C-alpha cells in the first residue's frame, strides 16, 4: 500500500540449507541473526501477497556466472544466498 506503482524492492534472503542451519548458531550472538529462510517459490508468493512481482531472483553461483566470474569460496558457501528484485504491481 505504501509503494508507488513500479517501485522496486531489492532484498537478500537465504534459502534453506545445512550450512545456513549451522550458521544460525554462529550468528545467534550477533546483531544480525538468521531468523528465516525461504525457497524461491515461497519468496515469490510472499512478495506477491504484498503486491510485488519478482523480476529477478539469483543465487550465488548464478550471480558469479552472470558477471563472468569463477565462483569463489564465498559463492560456494553462500550459494543459497539469493538477491531478489521485484516491482510493485502497476509497473514493469
PDB file of N, CA and C in Angstrom:
ATOM      1  N   UNK A   1       0.827  -1.203   0.000  1.00  0.00           N
ATOM      2  CA  UNK A   1       0.000   0.000   0.000  1.00  0.00           C
ATOM      3  C   UNK A   1       0.860   1.250   0.000  1.00  0.00           C
ATOM      4  N   UNK A   2       2.064   1.168   0.505  1.00  0.00           N
ATOM      5  CA  UNK A   2       2.891   2.369   0.612  1.00  0.00           C
ATOM      6  C   UNK A   2       3.888   2.521  -0.523  1.00  0.00           C
ATOM      7  N   UNK A   3       3.849   1.604  -1.479  1.00  0.00           N
ATOM      8  CA  UNK A   3       4.765   1.676  -2.615  1.00  0.00           C
ATOM      9  C   UNK A   3       4.019   2.165  -3.844  1.00  0.00           C
ATOM     10  N   UNK A   4       4.623   3.112  -4.541  1.00  0.00           N
ATOM     11  CA  UNK A   4       4.032   3.602  -5.780  1.00  0.00           C
ATOM     12  C   UNK A   4       4.136   2.523  -6.847  1.00  0.00           C
ATOM     13  N   UNK A   5       3.177   2.483  -7.786  1.00  0.00           N
ATOM     14  CA  UNK A   5       3.273   1.510  -8.875  1.00  0.00           C
ATOM     15  C   UNK A   5       4.629   1.629  -9.574  1.00  0.00           C
ATOM     16  N   UNK A   6       5.243   0.493  -9.841  1.00  0.00           N
ATOM     17  CA  UNK A   6       6.546   0.477 -10.495  1.00  0.00           C
ATOM     18  C   UNK A   6       7.720   0.611  -9.550  1.00  0.00           C
ATOM     19  N   UNK A   7       7.453   0.792  -8.259  1.00  0.00           N
ATOM     20  CA  UNK A   7       8.545   0.854  -7.279  1.00  0.00           C
ATOM     21  C   UNK A   7       9.332  -0.438  -7.313  1.00  0.00           C
ATOM     22  N   UNK A   8      10.605  -0.358  -7.016  1.00  0.00           N
ATOM     23  CA  UNK A   8      11.454  -1.545  -6.979  1.00  0.00           C
ATOM     24  C   UNK A   8      11.803  -1.886  -5.538  1.00  0.00           C
ATOM     25  N   UNK A   9      11.829  -3.173  -5.269  1.00  0.00           N
ATOM     26  CA  UNK A   9      12.251  -3.698  -3.976  1.00  0.00           C
ATOM     27  C   UNK A   9      13.425  -4.623  -4.261  1.00  0.00           C
ATOM     28  N   UNK A  10      14.531  -4.412  -3.581  1.00  0.00           N
ATOM     29  CA  UNK A  10      15.691  -5.283  -3.709  1.00  0.00           C
ATOM     30  C   UNK A  10      15.956  -5.858  -2.329  1.00  0.00           C
ATOM     31  N   UNK A  11      16.052  -7.179  -2.252  1.00  0.00           N
ATOM     32  CA  UNK A  11      16.244  -7.823  -0.957  1.00  0.00           C
ATOM     33  C   UNK A  11      17.172  -9.020  -1.093  1.00  0.00           C
ATOM     34  N   UNK A  12      17.792  -9.364   0.000  1.00  0.00           N
ATOM     35  CA  UNK A  12      18.608 -10.561   0.088  1.00  0.00           C
ATOM     36  C   UNK A  12      17.914 -11.513   1.048  1.00  0.00           C
ATOM     37  N   UNK A  13      17.815 -12.769   0.659  1.00  0.00           N
ATOM     38  CA  UNK A  13      17.231 -13.772   1.543  1.00  0.00           C
ATOM     39  C   UNK A  13      18.013 -15.062   1.406  1.00  0.00           C
ATOM     40  N   UNK A  14      17.840 -15.930   2.352  1.00  0.00           N
ATOM     41  CA  UNK A  14      18.568 -17.193   2.392  1.00  0.00           C
ATOM     42  C   UNK A  14      17.622 -18.362   2.150  1.00  0.00           C
ATOM     43  N   UNK A  15      18.046 -19.256   1.259  1.00  0.00           N
ATOM     44  CA  UNK A  15      17.309 -20.492   1.035  1.00  0.00           C
ATOM     45  C   UNK A  15      17.769 -21.518   2.070  1.00  0.00           C
ATOM     46  N   UNK A  16      16.920 -22.457   2.435  1.00  0.00           N
ATOM     47  CA  UNK A  16      17.293 -23.454   3.433  1.00  0.00           C
ATOM     48  C   UNK A  16      18.490 -24.303   2.989  1.00  0.00           C
ATOM     49  N   UNK A  17      19.371 -24.593   3.910  1.00  0.00           N
ATOM     50  CA  UNK A  17      20.500 -25.495   3.652  1.00  0.00           C
ATOM     51  C   UNK A  17      21.126 -25.880   4.987  1.00  0.00           C
ATOM     52  N   UNK A  18      21.915 -26.922   4.985  1.00  0.00           N
ATOM     53  CA  UNK A  18      22.615 -27.336   6.212  1.00  0.00           C
ATOM     54  C   UNK A  18      23.608 -26.264   6.652  1.00  0.00           C
ATOM     55  N   UNK A  19      24.261 -25.617   5.697  1.00  0.00           N
ATOM     56  CA  UNK A  19      25.208 -24.544   6.044  1.00  0.00           C
ATOM     57  C   UNK A  19      24.472 -23.417   6.759  1.00  0.00           C
ATOM     58  N   UNK A  20      23.322 -23.029   6.224  1.00  0.00           N
ATOM     59  CA  UNK A  20      22.538 -21.955   6.868  1.00  0.00           C
ATOM     60  C   UNK A  20      22.104 -22.371   8.272  1.00  0.00           C
ATOM     61  N   UNK A  21      21.670 -23.602   8.405  1.00  0.00           N
ATOM     62  CA  UNK A  21      21.235 -24.076   9.716  1.00  0.00           C
ATOM     63  C   UNK A  21      22.393 -23.995  10.702  1.00  0.00           C
ATOM     64  N   UNK A  22      23.587 -24.413  10.279  1.00  0.00           N
ATOM     65  CA  UNK A  22      24.765 -24.351  11.137  1.00  0.00           C
ATOM     66  C   UNK A  22      25.168 -22.917  11.470  1.00  0.00           C
ATOM     67  N   UNK A  23      24.983 -22.008  10.522  1.00  0.00           N
ATOM     68  CA  UNK A  23      25.355 -20.612  10.748  1.00  0.00           C
ATOM     69  C   UNK A  23      24.446 -19.920  11.756  1.00  0.00           C
ATOM     70  N   UNK A  24      23.258 -20.453  11.946  1.00  0.00           N
ATOM     71  CA  UNK A  24      22.346 -19.843  12.931  1.00  0.00           C
ATOM     72  C   UNK A  24      22.994 -19.792  14.304  1.00  0.00           C
ATOM     73  N   UNK A  25      23.716 -20.860  14.668  1.00  0.00           N
ATOM     74  CA  UNK A  25      24.379 -20.897  15.970  1.00  0.00           C
ATOM     75  C   UNK A  25      25.480 -19.848  16.043  1.00  0.00           C
ATOM     76  N   UNK A  26      26.201 -19.676  14.949  1.00  0.00           N
ATOM     77  CA  UNK A  26      27.289 -18.702  14.910  1.00  0.00           C
ATOM     78  C   UNK A  26      26.746 -17.280  15.003  1.00  0.00           C
ATOM     79  N   UNK A  27      25.657 -17.011  14.287  1.00  0.00           N
ATOM     80  CA  UNK A  27      25.130 -15.651  14.253  1.00  0.00           C
ATOM     81  C   UNK A  27      24.143 -15.347  15.381  1.00  0.00           C
ATOM     82  N   UNK A  28      23.812 -16.322  16.180  1.00  0.00           N
ATOM     83  CA  UNK A  28      22.843 -16.110  17.263  1.00  0.00           C
ATOM     84  C   UNK A  28      23.290 -15.015  18.222  1.00  0.00           C
ATOM     85  N   UNK A  29      24.581 -14.850  18.392  1.00  0.00           N
ATOM     86  CA  UNK A  29      25.080 -13.829  19.322  1.00  0.00           C
ATOM     87  C   UNK A  29      25.356 -12.496  18.632  1.00  0.00           C
ATOM     88  N   UNK A  30      25.198 -12.452  17.307  1.00  0.00           N
ATOM     89  CA  UNK A  30      25.445 -11.201  16.583  1.00  0.00           C
ATOM     90  C   UNK A  30      24.197 -10.334  16.600  1.00  0.00           C
ATOM     91  N   UNK A  31      24.340  -9.186  16.042  1.00  0.00           N
ATOM     92  CA  UNK A  31      23.195  -8.278  15.953  1.00  0.00           C
ATOM     93  C   UNK A  31      22.378  -8.517  14.685  1.00  0.00           C
ATOM     94  N   UNK A  32      22.774  -9.505  13.919  1.00  0.00           N
ATOM     95  CA  UNK A  32      22.041  -9.836  12.702  1.00  0.00           C
ATOM     96  C   UNK A  32      21.849 -11.347  12.596  1.00  0.00           C
ATOM     97  N   UNK A  33      21.048 -11.909  13.496  1.00  0.00           N
ATOM     98  CA  UNK A  33      20.847 -13.357  13.485  1.00  0.00           C
ATOM     99  C   UNK A  33      20.040 -13.801  12.263  1.00  0.00           C
ATOM    100  N   UNK A  34      20.226 -15.041  11.851  1.00  0.00           N
ATOM    101  CA  UNK A  34      19.436 -15.625  10.762  1.00  0.00           C
ATOM    102  C   UNK A  34      18.122 -16.091  11.371  1.00  0.00           C
ATOM    103  N   UNK A  35      17.051 -15.455  11.000  1.00  0.00           N
ATOM    104  CA  UNK A  35      15.758 -15.770  11.593  1.00  0.00           C
ATOM    105  C   UNK A  35      14.861 -16.601  10.685  1.00  0.00           C
ATOM    106  N   UNK A  36      15.092 -16.535   9.383  1.00  0.00           N
ATOM    107  CA  UNK A  36      14.205 -17.274   8.489  1.00  0.00           C
ATOM    108  C   UNK A  36      14.930 -17.635   7.200  1.00  0.00           C
ATOM    109  N   UNK A  37      14.380 -18.611   6.507  1.00  0.00           N
ATOM    110  CA  UNK A  37      14.854 -18.992   5.182  1.00  0.00           C
ATOM    111  C   UNK A  37      13.626 -19.165   4.300  1.00  0.00           C
ATOM    112  N   UNK A  38      13.825 -18.985   3.021  1.00  0.00           N
ATOM    113  CA  UNK A  38      12.736 -19.136   2.054  1.00  0.00           C
ATOM    114  C   UNK A  38      13.265 -19.869   0.831  1.00  0.00           C
ATOM    115  N   UNK A  39      12.450 -20.697   0.253  1.00  0.00           N
ATOM    116  CA  UNK A  39      12.738 -21.242  -1.063  1.00  0.00           C
ATOM    117  C   UNK A  39      12.275 -20.173  -2.065  1.00  0.00           C
ATOM    118  N   UNK A  40      12.871 -20.127  -3.256  1.00  0.00           N
ATOM    119  CA  UNK A  40      12.480 -19.083  -4.211  1.00  0.00           C
ATOM    120  C   UNK A  40      10.974 -19.005  -4.488  1.00  0.00           C
ATOM    121  N   UNK A  41      10.292 -20.149  -4.593  1.00  0.00           N
ATOM    122  CA  UNK A  41       8.851 -20.118  -4.848  1.00  0.00           C
ATOM    123  C   UNK A  41       8.086 -19.519  -3.672  1.00  0.00           C
ATOM    124  N   UNK A  42       8.547 -19.773  -2.452  1.00  0.00           N
ATOM    125  CA  UNK A  42       7.893 -19.199  -1.268  1.00  0.00           C
ATOM    126  C   UNK A  42       8.138 -17.690  -1.201  1.00  0.00           C
ATOM    127  N   UNK A  43       9.331 -17.237  -1.568  1.00  0.00           N
ATOM    128  CA  UNK A  43       9.621 -15.798  -1.584  1.00  0.00           C
ATOM    129  C   UNK A  43       8.744 -15.111  -2.633  1.00  0.00           C
ATOM    130  N   UNK A  44       8.595 -15.758  -3.778  1.00  0.00           N
ATOM    131  CA  UNK A  44       7.752 -15.193  -4.843  1.00  0.00           C
ATOM    132  C   UNK A  44       6.304 -15.037  -4.345  1.00  0.00           C
ATOM    133  N   UNK A  45       5.792 -16.050  -3.653  1.00  0.00           N
ATOM    134  CA  UNK A  45       4.417 -15.971  -3.123  1.00  0.00           C
ATOM    135  C   UNK A  45       4.295 -14.892  -2.054  1.00  0.00           C
ATOM    136  N   UNK A  46       5.306 -14.793  -1.190  1.00  0.00           N
ATOM    137  CA  UNK A  46       5.285 -13.775  -0.136  1.00  0.00           C
ATOM    138  C   UNK A  46       5.246 -12.379  -0.749  1.00  0.00           C
ATOM    139  N   UNK A  47       6.101 -12.121  -1.718  1.00  0.00           N
ATOM    140  CA  UNK A  47       6.123 -10.809  -2.365  1.00  0.00           C
ATOM    141  C   UNK A  47       4.822 -10.538  -3.112  1.00  0.00           C
ATOM    142  N   UNK A  48       4.272 -11.558  -3.764  1.00  0.00           N
ATOM    143  CA  UNK A  48       3.002 -11.401  -4.482  1.00  0.00           C
ATOM    144  C   UNK A  48       1.878 -11.023  -3.527  1.00  0.00           C
ATOM    145  N   UNK A  49       1.901 -11.566  -2.327  1.00  0.00           N
ATOM    146  CA  UNK A  49       0.869 -11.249  -1.335  1.00  0.00           C
ATOM    147  C   UNK A  49       0.879  -9.771  -0.962  1.00  0.00           C
ATOM    148  N   UNK A  50       2.015  -9.118  -1.178  1.00  0.00           N
ATOM    149  CA  UNK A  50       2.136  -7.691  -0.867  1.00  0.00           C
ATOM    150  C   UNK A  50       2.154  -6.829  -2.129  1.00  0.00           C
ATOM    151  N   UNK A  51       1.738  -7.416  -3.257  1.00  0.00           N
ATOM    152  CA  UNK A  51       1.587  -6.650  -4.480  1.00  0.00           C
ATOM    153  C   UNK A  51       2.839  -6.501  -5.317  1.00  0.00           C
ATOM    154  N   UNK A  52       3.837  -7.369  -5.113  1.00  0.00           N
ATOM    155  CA  UNK A  52       5.066  -7.285  -5.889  1.00  0.00           C
ATOM    156  C   UNK A  52       5.188  -8.455  -6.844  1.00  0.00           C
ATOM    157  N   UNK A  53       5.809  -8.207  -7.978  1.00  0.00           N
ATOM    158  CA  UNK A  53       6.101  -9.223  -8.979  1.00  0.00           C
ATOM    159  C   UNK A  53       7.613  -9.371  -9.065  1.00  0.00           C
ATOM    160  N   UNK A  54       8.116 -10.593  -8.950  1.00  0.00           N
ATOM    161  CA  UNK A  54       9.561 -10.835  -8.998  1.00  0.00           C
ATOM    162  C   UNK A  54      10.054 -10.667 -10.432  1.00  0.00           C
ATOM    163  N   UNK A  55      11.064  -9.827 -10.594  1.00  0.00           N
ATOM    164  CA  UNK A  55      11.684  -9.608 -11.891  1.00  0.00           C
ATOM    165  C   UNK A  55      12.951 -10.437 -12.053  1.00  0.00           C
ATOM    166  N   UNK A  56      13.641 -10.683 -10.945  1.00  0.00           N
ATOM    167  CA  UNK A  56      14.900 -11.427 -10.988  1.00  0.00           C
ATOM    168  C   UNK A  56      15.141 -12.030  -9.611  1.00  0.00           C
ATOM    169  N   UNK A  57      15.669 -13.239  -9.580  1.00  0.00           N
ATOM    170  CA  UNK A  57      15.982 -13.918  -8.321  1.00  0.00           C
ATOM    171  C   UNK A  57      17.163 -14.838  -8.601  1.00  0.00           C
ATOM    172  N   UNK A  58      18.330 -14.480  -8.111  1.00  0.00           N
ATOM    173  CA  UNK A  58      19.524 -15.263  -8.406  1.00  0.00           C
ATOM    174  C   UNK A  58      20.267 -15.658  -7.142  1.00  0.00           C
ATOM    175  N   UNK A  59      20.864 -16.852  -7.186  1.00  0.00           N
ATOM    176  CA  UNK A  59      21.709 -17.346  -6.106  1.00  0.00           C
ATOM    177  C   UNK A  59      23.167 -17.015  -6.398  1.00  0.00           C
ATOM    178  N   UNK A  60      24.055 -17.385  -5.476  1.00  0.00           N
ATOM    179  CA  UNK A  60      25.469 -17.053  -5.570  1.00  0.00           C
ATOM    180  C   UNK A  60      26.164 -17.559  -6.817  1.00  0.00           C
ATOM    181  N   UNK A  61      25.922 -18.814  -7.196  1.00  0.00           N
ATOM    182  CA  UNK A  61      26.564 -19.361  -8.387  1.00  0.00           C
ATOM    183  C   UNK A  61      26.034 -18.697  -9.653  1.00  0.00           C
ATOM    184  N   UNK A  62      24.753 -18.412  -9.668  1.00  0.00           N
ATOM    185  CA  UNK A  62      24.165 -17.721 -10.821  1.00  0.00           C
ATOM    186  C   UNK A  62      24.739 -16.315 -10.969  1.00  0.00           C
ATOM    187  N   UNK A  63      24.919 -15.614  -9.851  1.00  0.00           N
ATOM    188  CA  UNK A  63      25.486 -14.264  -9.918  1.00  0.00           C
ATOM    189  C   UNK A  63      26.914 -14.306 -10.442  1.00  0.00           C
ATOM    190  N   UNK A  64      27.711 -15.262  -9.983  1.00  0.00           N
ATOM    191  CA  UNK A  64      29.089 -15.379 -10.458  1.00  0.00           C
ATOM    192  C   UNK A  64      29.097 -15.603 -11.969  1.00  0.00           C
ATOM    193  N   UNK A  65      28.259 -16.514 -12.459  1.00  0.00           N
ATOM    194  CA  UNK A  65      28.202 -16.798 -13.896  1.00  0.00           C
ATOM    195  C   UNK A  65      27.720 -15.589 -14.681  1.00  0.00           C
ATOM    196  N   UNK A  66      26.745 -14.879 -14.149  1.00  0.00           N
ATOM    197  CA  UNK A  66      26.186 -13.708 -14.838  1.00  0.00           C
ATOM    198  C   UNK A  66      27.255 -12.659 -15.109  1.00  0.00           C
ATOM    199  N   UNK A  67      28.177 -12.507 -14.185  1.00  0.00           N
ATOM    200  CA  UNK A  67      29.214 -11.490 -14.325  1.00  0.00           C
ATOM    201  C   UNK A  67      30.537 -12.063 -14.833  1.00  0.00           C
ATOM    202  N   UNK A  68      30.491 -13.300 -15.347  1.00  0.00           N
ATOM    203  CA  UNK A  68      31.665 -13.906 -15.947  1.00  0.00           C
ATOM    204  C   UNK A  68      32.772 -14.212 -14.955  1.00  0.00           C
ATOM    205  N   UNK A  69      32.423 -14.449 -13.714  1.00  0.00           N
ATOM    206  CA  UNK A  69      33.399 -14.742 -12.666  1.00  0.00           C
ATOM    207  C   UNK A  69      33.397 -16.225 -12.341  1.00  0.00           C
ATOM    208  N   UNK A  70      34.555 -16.732 -12.013  1.00  0.00           N
ATOM    209  CA  UNK A  70      34.616 -18.094 -11.481  1.00  0.00           C
ATOM    210  C   UNK A  70      34.122 -18.020 -10.046  1.00  0.00           C
ATOM    211  N   UNK A  71      33.295 -18.963  -9.633  1.00  0.00           N
ATOM    212  CA  UNK A  71      32.795 -18.930  -8.258  1.00  0.00           C
ATOM    213  C   UNK A  71      33.946 -19.021  -7.257  1.00  0.00           C
ATOM    214  N   UNK A  72      33.953 -18.118  -6.311  1.00  0.00           N
ATOM    215  CA  UNK A  72      34.931 -18.165  -5.234  1.00  0.00           C
ATOM    216  C   UNK A  72      34.379 -18.941  -4.054  1.00  0.00           C
ATOM    217  N   UNK A  73      35.169 -19.044  -3.018  1.00  0.00           N
ATOM    218  CA  UNK A  73      34.747 -19.770  -1.819  1.00  0.00           C
ATOM    219  C   UNK A  73      33.458 -19.190  -1.253  1.00  0.00           C
ATOM    220  N   UNK A  74      33.362 -17.866  -1.219  1.00  0.00           N
ATOM    221  CA  UNK A  74      32.151 -17.232  -0.682  1.00  0.00           C
ATOM    222  C   UNK A  74      30.939 -17.648  -1.513  1.00  0.00           C
ATOM    223  N   UNK A  75      31.084 -17.662  -2.840  1.00  0.00           N
ATOM    224  CA  UNK A  75      29.957 -18.068  -3.696  1.00  0.00           C
ATOM    225  C   UNK A  75      29.550 -19.507  -3.421  1.00  0.00           C
ATOM    226  N   UNK A  76      30.532 -20.371  -3.222  1.00  0.00           N
ATOM    227  CA  UNK A  76      30.236 -21.784  -2.983  1.00  0.00           C
ATOM    228  C   UNK A  76      29.575 -22.006  -1.625  1.00  0.00           C
ATOM    229  N   UNK A  77      30.054 -21.298  -0.616  1.00  0.00           N
ATOM    230  CA  UNK A  77      29.484 -21.445   0.727  1.00  0.00           C
ATOM    231  C   UNK A  77      28.114 -20.779   0.804  1.00  0.00           C
ATOM    232  N   UNK A  78      27.991 -19.609   0.204  1.00  0.00           N
ATOM    233  CA  UNK A  78      26.748 -18.837   0.295  1.00  0.00           C
ATOM    234  C   UNK A  78      25.875 -19.000  -0.940  1.00  0.00           C
ATOM    235  N   UNK A  79      26.016 -20.126  -1.634  1.00  0.00           N
ATOM    236  CA  UNK A  79      25.259 -20.350  -2.861  1.00  0.00           C
ATOM    237  C   UNK A  79      23.758 -20.199  -2.671  1.00  0.00           C
ATOM    238  N   UNK A  80      23.299 -20.402  -1.467  1.00  0.00           N
ATOM    239  CA  UNK A  80      21.860 -20.289  -1.208  1.00  0.00           C
ATOM    240  C   UNK A  80      21.446 -18.891  -0.779  1.00  0.00           C
ATOM    241  N   UNK A  81      22.367 -17.944  -0.818  1.00  0.00           N
ATOM    242  CA  UNK A  81      22.008 -16.553  -0.556  1.00  0.00           C
ATOM    243  C   UNK A  81      21.473 -15.947  -1.839  1.00  0.00           C
ATOM    244  N   UNK A  82      20.234 -15.545  -1.844  1.00  0.00           N
ATOM    245  CA  UNK A  82      19.584 -15.022  -3.044  1.00  0.00           C
ATOM    246  C   UNK A  82      19.430 -13.513  -2.982  1.00  0.00           C
ATOM    247  N   UNK A  83      19.506 -12.905  -4.151  1.00  0.00           N
ATOM    248  CA  UNK A  83      19.145 -11.498  -4.318  1.00  0.00           C
ATOM    249  C   UNK A  83      17.906 -11.486  -5.182  1.00  0.00           C
ATOM    250  N   UNK A  84      16.897 -10.811  -4.700  1.00  0.00           N
ATOM    251  CA  UNK A  84      15.638 -10.751  -5.447  1.00  0.00           C
ATOM    252  C   UNK A  84      15.325  -9.297  -5.761  1.00  0.00           C
ATOM    253  N   UNK A  85      14.859  -9.062  -6.980  1.00  0.00           N
ATOM    254  CA  UNK A  85      14.415  -7.740  -7.411  1.00  0.00           C
ATOM    255  C   UNK A  85      12.950  -7.893  -7.792  1.00  0.00           C
ATOM    256  N   UNK A  86      12.118  -7.041  -7.231  1.00  0.00           N
ATOM    257  CA  UNK A  86      10.692  -7.116  -7.503  1.00  0.00           C
ATOM    258  C   UNK A  86      10.147  -5.722  -7.791  1.00  0.00           C
ATOM    259  N   UNK A  87       9.061  -5.659  -8.556  1.00  0.00           N
ATOM    260  CA  UNK A  87       8.394  -4.399  -8.848  1.00  0.00           C
ATOM    261  C   UNK A  87       6.998  -4.457  -8.266  1.00  0.00           C
ATOM    262  N   UNK A  88       6.526  -3.308  -7.784  1.00  0.00           N
ATOM    263  CA  UNK A  88       5.157  -3.279  -7.283  1.00  0.00           C
ATOM    264  C   UNK A  88       4.212  -3.367  -8.468  1.00  0.00           C
ATOM    265  N   UNK A  89       3.037  -3.913  -8.245  1.00  0.00           N
ATOM    266  CA  UNK A  89       2.051  -4.052  -9.324  1.00  0.00           C
ATOM    267  C   UNK A  89       1.757  -2.682  -9.913  1.00  0.00           C
ATOM    268  N   UNK A  90       1.552  -2.675 -11.192  1.00  0.00           N
ATOM    269  CA  UNK A  90       1.277  -1.425 -11.890  1.00  0.00           C
ATOM    270  C   UNK A  90       2.520  -0.896 -12.578  1.00  0.00           C
ATOM    271  N   UNK A  91       3.661  -1.571 -12.416  1.00  0.00           N
ATOM    272  CA  UNK A  91       4.884  -1.141 -13.076  1.00  0.00           C
ATOM    273  C   UNK A  91       5.584  -2.340 -13.647  1.00  0.00           C
ATOM    274  N   UNK A  92       6.605  -2.085 -14.431  1.00  0.00           N
ATOM    275  CA  UNK A  92       7.357  -3.192 -15.009  1.00  0.00           C
ATOM    276  C   UNK A  92       8.817  -3.071 -14.667  1.00  0.00           C
TER     277      UNK A  92
END
